[in-house]
Protein backbone atom coordinates (compact mmCIF):
# COMPACT_ATOMS: atom_id res chain seq x y z
CA UNK A 1 -28.16 13.22 -154.78
CA UNK A 2 -29.14 16.27 -156.96
CA UNK A 3 -25.62 17.72 -156.07
CA UNK A 4 -24.10 14.67 -157.76
CA UNK A 5 -26.34 14.43 -160.78
CA UNK A 6 -26.01 18.03 -162.10
CA UNK A 7 -22.19 17.98 -162.22
CA UNK A 8 -22.23 14.49 -163.73
CA UNK A 9 -24.53 15.57 -166.44
CA UNK A 10 -22.39 18.67 -167.15
CA UNK A 11 -19.34 16.55 -167.41
CA UNK A 12 -20.99 14.17 -169.85
CA UNK A 13 -22.19 17.12 -172.08
CA UNK A 14 -18.55 18.46 -172.02
CA UNK A 15 -17.24 15.29 -173.24
CA UNK A 16 -19.94 14.87 -175.95
CA UNK A 17 -18.55 15.04 -179.52
CA UNK A 18 -19.48 18.33 -181.20
CA UNK A 19 -20.29 18.05 -185.09
CA UNK A 20 -17.65 19.61 -187.14
CA UNK A 21 -18.64 21.75 -190.13
CA UNK A 22 -17.04 20.51 -193.28
CA UNK A 23 -14.61 22.98 -194.74
CA UNK A 24 -14.72 23.79 -198.54
CA UNK A 25 -12.31 21.25 -199.64
CA UNK A 26 -14.05 18.42 -197.69
CA UNK A 27 -17.34 19.50 -199.19
CA UNK A 28 -16.10 19.69 -202.75
CA UNK A 29 -14.30 16.23 -202.28
CA UNK A 30 -17.48 14.60 -201.04
CA UNK A 31 -19.47 15.97 -204.01
CA UNK A 32 -16.94 14.77 -206.49
CA UNK A 33 -17.46 11.71 -208.67
CA UNK A 34 -14.00 10.33 -207.74
CA UNK A 35 -14.62 6.64 -206.70
CA UNK A 36 -11.84 6.80 -204.06
CA UNK A 37 -13.13 9.99 -202.43
CA UNK A 38 -14.29 8.49 -199.10
CA UNK A 39 -15.73 10.55 -196.33
CA UNK A 40 -12.61 9.78 -194.22
CA UNK A 41 -10.22 10.63 -196.99
CA UNK A 42 -12.10 14.01 -197.78
CA UNK A 43 -12.02 14.87 -194.04
CA UNK A 44 -8.31 14.13 -193.98
CA UNK A 45 -7.56 16.38 -197.09
CA UNK A 46 -9.54 19.09 -195.55
CA UNK A 47 -7.75 18.96 -192.36
CA UNK A 48 -4.47 19.35 -194.20
CA UNK A 49 -5.86 22.21 -196.31
CA UNK A 50 -6.88 23.91 -193.03
CA UNK A 51 -3.28 23.78 -191.87
CA UNK A 52 -1.55 24.65 -195.12
CA UNK A 53 -3.92 27.07 -196.92
CA UNK A 54 -5.74 30.26 -196.14
CA UNK A 55 -9.55 30.19 -196.14
CA UNK A 56 -9.63 31.97 -199.60
CA UNK A 57 -7.01 29.47 -200.87
CA UNK A 58 -9.21 26.56 -199.63
CA UNK A 59 -12.17 27.92 -201.58
CA UNK A 60 -9.99 28.28 -204.60
CA UNK A 61 -8.60 24.78 -204.32
CA UNK A 62 -12.24 23.45 -203.69
CA UNK A 63 -13.25 24.66 -207.13
CA UNK A 64 -10.55 22.46 -208.80
CA UNK A 65 -12.72 19.41 -207.90
CA UNK A 66 -15.53 20.49 -210.05
CA UNK A 67 -13.48 22.49 -212.55
CA UNK A 68 -10.03 20.90 -213.32
CA UNK A 69 -9.53 23.24 -216.21
CA UNK A 70 -9.25 26.08 -213.69
CA UNK A 71 -6.35 24.19 -211.99
CA UNK A 72 -4.61 24.04 -215.33
CA UNK A 73 -5.17 27.64 -215.90
CA UNK A 74 -3.74 28.61 -212.53
CA UNK A 75 -0.61 26.22 -213.10
CA UNK A 76 0.09 27.71 -216.56
CA UNK A 77 -0.48 31.31 -215.46
CA UNK A 78 2.34 33.76 -215.60
CA UNK A 79 1.12 36.05 -212.80
CA UNK A 80 3.09 36.20 -209.56
CA UNK A 81 0.00 35.73 -207.41
CA UNK A 82 -1.03 32.53 -209.27
CA UNK A 83 2.56 31.09 -209.14
CA UNK A 84 2.74 31.77 -205.39
CA UNK A 85 -0.68 30.14 -204.84
CA UNK A 86 0.21 27.15 -207.14
CA UNK A 87 3.40 26.60 -205.02
CA UNK A 88 1.26 26.49 -201.76
CA UNK A 89 -1.26 24.41 -203.47
CA UNK A 90 1.39 21.80 -204.56
CA UNK A 91 2.88 21.81 -200.97
CA UNK A 92 -0.66 21.16 -199.69
CA UNK A 93 -1.08 18.31 -202.20
CA UNK A 94 2.17 16.68 -201.41
CA UNK A 95 1.35 17.08 -197.53
CA UNK A 96 -2.13 15.53 -198.06
CA UNK A 97 -0.79 12.66 -200.06
CA UNK A 98 1.74 11.81 -197.31
CA UNK A 99 -0.81 12.17 -194.31
CA UNK A 100 -3.91 10.91 -196.05
CA UNK A 101 -2.86 7.69 -197.75
CA UNK A 102 -5.17 4.74 -197.11
């Protein structure tokens, strides 16, 4: 009987869901005061961010939730680095909008 219980318990543990850590975009989205920012929507947006932006870019984009003026500054910037980031950020936004619609 013991030979059956131990492998069965191990199989159940392997199938148990592991809590995922929220990424910077999901955390910022959840903290925002936007009425449409549900946990599911924020999780979806973060998943898209993880697929389209580097970790540093995700942290930078997350700051836009609490400081929209920073997004405007980046958008209006004339530096090459900011322009390249903004292009990737826009692509991320368009992709998130397409995949995360309610």
